[in-house]
Amino acid sequence: MIKTTVYAITAALIIMPTVALANPNGMSYSGPIQTTTVSEVLEQTNLFSEQNVILEGKLIKQINADTYVFSDGKNEINVEVDDDIHLGQAIAPNTRLRVYGEVEGSAIPEVEIDKIQVL
């Protein structure tokens, strides 16, 4: 009886991290999402603003190892991609993306990207 309980607890401890990491976002949602345009980000940004945004568009040019120019088709803004982001596919300048990040207020606003979703 005790041996069976020990096996059950050991199996649970081994399986739990795998289950927890299977969906890192905790849930999967496929409904409408409130996005922001680059124009809105540029208009609302000041030195003290830090706001979370969701943008849709394309990475059109790489500036350095982790900084890119993002365009929503009308306006452009620099984005810094977090080192933890690893996609299973290459991104080309014509790849349509949804990016999640935080606007860093400065003289030249920039969005720090935490998550990228290929559309």
C-alpha atoms as a PDB file:
ATOM      1  CA  MET A   1       0.000   0.000   0.000  1.00  0.00           C
ATOM      2  CA  ILE A   2       2.733   2.486   0.951  1.00  0.00           C
ATOM      3  CA  LYS A   3       4.793   1.461  -2.061  1.00  0.00           C
ATOM      4  CA  THR A   4       1.847   2.174  -4.399  1.00  0.00           C
ATOM      5  CA  THR A   5       1.304   5.587  -2.804  1.00  0.00           C
ATOM      6  CA  VAL A   6       4.990   6.476  -3.205  1.00  0.00           C
ATOM      7  CA  TYR A   7       4.857   5.464  -6.883  1.00  0.00           C
ATOM      8  CA  ALA A   8       1.720   7.553  -7.427  1.00  0.00           C
ATOM      9  CA  ILE A   9       3.249  10.631  -5.791  1.00  0.00           C
ATOM     10  CA  THR A  10       6.513  10.211  -7.722  1.00  0.00           C
ATOM     11  CA  ALA A  11       4.639   9.875 -11.019  1.00  0.00           C
ATOM     12  CA  ALA A  12       2.580  12.987 -10.246  1.00  0.00           C
ATOM     13  CA  LEU A  13       5.708  15.001  -9.437  1.00  0.00           C
ATOM     14  CA  ILE A  14       7.315  13.937 -12.716  1.00  0.00           C
ATOM     15  CA  ILE A  15       4.242  14.638 -14.860  1.00  0.00           C
ATOM     16  CA  MET A  16       3.109  17.948 -13.297  1.00  0.00           C
ATOM     17  CA  PRO A  17       5.886  20.175 -14.766  1.00  0.00           C
ATOM     18  CA  THR A  18       5.241  18.742 -18.223  1.00  0.00           C
ATOM     19  CA  VAL A  19       1.537  19.505 -17.976  1.00  0.00           C
ATOM     20  CA  ALA A  20       2.200  22.986 -16.596  1.00  0.00           C
ATOM     21  CA  LEU A  21       4.558  23.840 -19.466  1.00  0.00           C
ATOM     22  CA  ALA A  22       2.377  22.335 -22.203  1.00  0.00           C
ATOM     23  CA  ASN A  23       0.501  25.633 -22.633  1.00  0.00           C
ATOM     24  CA  PRO A  24       2.712  28.464 -21.290  1.00  0.00           C
ATOM     25  CA  ASN A  25      -0.051  31.083 -21.701  1.00  0.00           C
ATOM     26  CA  GLY A  26      -2.423  29.139 -19.512  1.00  0.00           C
ATOM     27  CA  MET A  27      -5.243  29.264 -22.045  1.00  0.00           C
ATOM     28  CA  SER A  28      -5.913  29.478 -25.748  1.00  0.00           C
ATOM     29  CA  TYR A  29      -8.290  32.165 -27.050  1.00  0.00           C
ATOM     30  CA  SER A  30      -9.330  32.537 -30.676  1.00  0.00           C
ATOM     31  CA  GLY A  31     -11.868  35.391 -30.485  1.00  0.00           C
ATOM     32  CA  PRO A  32     -11.467  39.098 -31.281  1.00  0.00           C
ATOM     33  CA  ILE A  33      -8.519  40.991 -29.805  1.00  0.00           C
ATOM     34  CA  GLN A  34      -8.240  44.730 -29.136  1.00  0.00           C
ATOM     35  CA  THR A  35      -5.236  45.917 -31.152  1.00  0.00           C
ATOM     36  CA  THR A  36      -3.551  49.313 -31.265  1.00  0.00           C
ATOM     37  CA  THR A  37      -2.222  51.079 -34.358  1.00  0.00           C
ATOM     38  CA  VAL A  38       1.328  52.409 -34.544  1.00  0.00           C
ATOM     39  CA  SER A  39      -0.162  55.888 -35.018  1.00  0.00           C
ATOM     40  CA  GLU A  40      -1.998  55.601 -31.673  1.00  0.00           C
ATOM     41  CA  VAL A  41       1.203  54.492 -29.940  1.00  0.00           C
ATOM     42  CA  LEU A  42       3.152  57.427 -31.365  1.00  0.00           C
ATOM     43  CA  GLU A  43       0.413  59.924 -30.382  1.00  0.00           C
ATOM     44  CA  GLN A  44      -0.003  58.649 -26.814  1.00  0.00           C
ATOM     45  CA  THR A  45       3.653  58.202 -25.916  1.00  0.00           C
ATOM     46  CA  ASN A  46       5.497  60.547 -23.578  1.00  0.00           C
ATOM     47  CA  LEU A  47       8.562  60.168 -21.369  1.00  0.00           C
ATOM     48  CA  PHE A  48       6.546  58.697 -18.494  1.00  0.00           C
ATOM     49  CA  SER A  49       4.178  56.410 -20.366  1.00  0.00           C
ATOM     50  CA  GLU A  50       4.427  52.655 -20.172  1.00  0.00           C
ATOM     51  CA  GLN A  51       1.495  50.898 -21.754  1.00  0.00           C
ATOM     52  CA  ASN A  52       0.851  47.369 -22.929  1.00  0.00           C
ATOM     53  CA  VAL A  53      -0.088  47.116 -26.601  1.00  0.00           C
ATOM     54  CA  ILE A  54      -0.981  44.541 -29.221  1.00  0.00           C
ATOM     55  CA  LEU A  55       0.083  45.492 -32.747  1.00  0.00           C
ATOM     56  CA  GLU A  56      -0.529  43.766 -36.062  1.00  0.00           C
ATOM     57  CA  GLY A  57       1.821  44.228 -38.990  1.00  0.00           C
ATOM     58  CA  LYS A  58       5.249  43.216 -40.234  1.00  0.00           C
ATOM     59  CA  LEU A  59       8.897  43.423 -39.193  1.00  0.00           C
ATOM     60  CA  ILE A  60      10.229  45.183 -42.278  1.00  0.00           C
ATOM     61  CA  LYS A  61      13.876  45.773 -41.384  1.00  0.00           C
ATOM     62  CA  GLN A  62      16.462  44.632 -38.834  1.00  0.00           C
ATOM     63  CA  ILE A  63      18.493  47.406 -37.197  1.00  0.00           C
ATOM     64  CA  ASN A  64      20.694  45.266 -34.912  1.00  0.00           C
ATOM     65  CA  ALA A  65      20.600  41.866 -33.169  1.00  0.00           C
ATOM     66  CA  ASP A  66      17.284  42.440 -31.379  1.00  0.00           C
ATOM     67  CA  THR A  67      15.900  45.726 -32.754  1.00  0.00           C
ATOM     68  CA  TYR A  68      13.626  45.875 -35.794  1.00  0.00           C
ATOM     69  CA  VAL A  69      11.416  48.351 -37.633  1.00  0.00           C
ATOM     70  CA  PHE A  70       7.758  47.321 -37.316  1.00  0.00           C
ATOM     71  CA  SER A  71       5.115  48.593 -39.747  1.00  0.00           C
ATOM     72  CA  ASP A  72       1.349  48.294 -39.572  1.00  0.00           C
ATOM     73  CA  GLY A  73       1.131  49.349 -43.232  1.00  0.00           C
ATOM     74  CA  LYS A  74       0.725  53.053 -42.449  1.00  0.00           C
ATOM     75  CA  ASN A  75       3.327  53.955 -39.821  1.00  0.00           C
ATOM     76  CA  GLU A  76       6.565  52.545 -38.465  1.00  0.00           C
ATOM     77  CA  ILE A  77       8.057  52.155 -34.987  1.00  0.00           C
ATOM     78  CA  ASN A  78      11.184  50.506 -33.606  1.00  0.00           C
ATOM     79  CA  VAL A  79      10.616  47.323 -31.626  1.00  0.00           C
ATOM     80  CA  GLU A  80      12.994  45.372 -29.430  1.00  0.00           C
ATOM     81  CA  VAL A  81      12.389  41.618 -29.444  1.00  0.00           C
ATOM     82  CA  ASP A  82      12.924  39.864 -26.103  1.00  0.00           C
ATOM     83  CA  ASP A  83      15.802  37.337 -26.070  1.00  0.00           C
ATOM     84  CA  ASP A  84      13.419  34.632 -24.788  1.00  0.00           C
ATOM     85  CA  ILE A  85      11.344  34.606 -27.983  1.00  0.00           C
ATOM     86  CA  HIS A  86      12.113  31.643 -30.235  1.00  0.00           C
ATOM     87  CA  LEU A  87       9.778  30.905 -33.124  1.00  0.00           C
ATOM     88  CA  GLY A  88       9.697  27.614 -34.952  1.00  0.00           C
ATOM     89  CA  GLN A  89       9.862  29.370 -38.308  1.00  0.00           C
ATOM     90  CA  ALA A  90      11.737  32.172 -40.050  1.00  0.00           C
ATOM     91  CA  ILE A  91      10.131  35.604 -40.321  1.00  0.00           C
ATOM     92  CA  ALA A  92      10.398  37.470 -43.625  1.00  0.00           C
ATOM     93  CA  PRO A  93       9.532  41.139 -44.251  1.00  0.00           C
ATOM     94  CA  ASN A  94       6.176  40.038 -45.686  1.00  0.00           C
ATOM     95  CA  THR A  95       5.241  37.763 -42.729  1.00  0.00           C
ATOM     96  CA  ARG A  96       2.125  39.141 -41.024  1.00  0.00           C
ATOM     97  CA  LEU A  97       2.468  39.158 -37.220  1.00  0.00           C
ATOM     98  CA  ARG A  98       0.643  40.029 -34.048  1.00  0.00           C
ATOM     99  CA  VAL A  99       3.088  41.306 -31.438  1.00  0.00           C
ATOM    100  CA  TYR A 100       2.471  41.816 -27.736  1.00  0.00           C
ATOM    101  CA  GLY A 101       4.622  44.255 -25.826  1.00  0.00           C
ATOM    102  CA  GLU A 102       5.110  47.351 -23.741  1.00  0.00           C
ATOM    103  CA  VAL A 103       5.711  50.858 -25.040  1.00  0.00           C
ATOM    104  CA  GLU A 104       8.808  52.483 -23.576  1.00  0.00           C
ATOM    105  CA  GLY A 105       8.336  56.231 -23.420  1.00  0.00           C
ATOM    106  CA  SER A 106      11.325  58.241 -24.580  1.00  0.00           C
ATOM    107  CA  ALA A 107      12.250  60.873 -27.145  1.00  0.00           C
ATOM    108  CA  ILE A 108      12.048  58.050 -29.703  1.00  0.00           C
ATOM    109  CA  PRO A 109       9.312  55.628 -28.580  1.00  0.00           C
ATOM    110  CA  GLU A 110       9.984  51.915 -28.863  1.00  0.00           C
ATOM    111  CA  VAL A 111       7.932  48.796 -28.133  1.00  0.00           C
ATOM    112  CA  GLU A 112       9.562  45.998 -26.143  1.00  0.00           C
ATOM    113  CA  ILE A 113       8.092  42.783 -27.576  1.00  0.00           C
ATOM    114  CA  ASP A 114       7.294  39.928 -25.165  1.00  0.00           C
ATOM    115  CA  LYS A 115       5.395  37.616 -27.521  1.00  0.00           C
ATOM    116  CA  ILE A 116       5.074  37.167 -31.304  1.00  0.00           C
ATOM    117  CA  GLN A 117       2.243  35.335 -33.030  1.00  0.00           C
ATOM    118  CA  VAL A 118       2.445  34.554 -36.759  1.00  0.00           C
ATOM    119  CA  LEU A 119      -0.899  35.278 -38.438  1.00  0.00           C
END
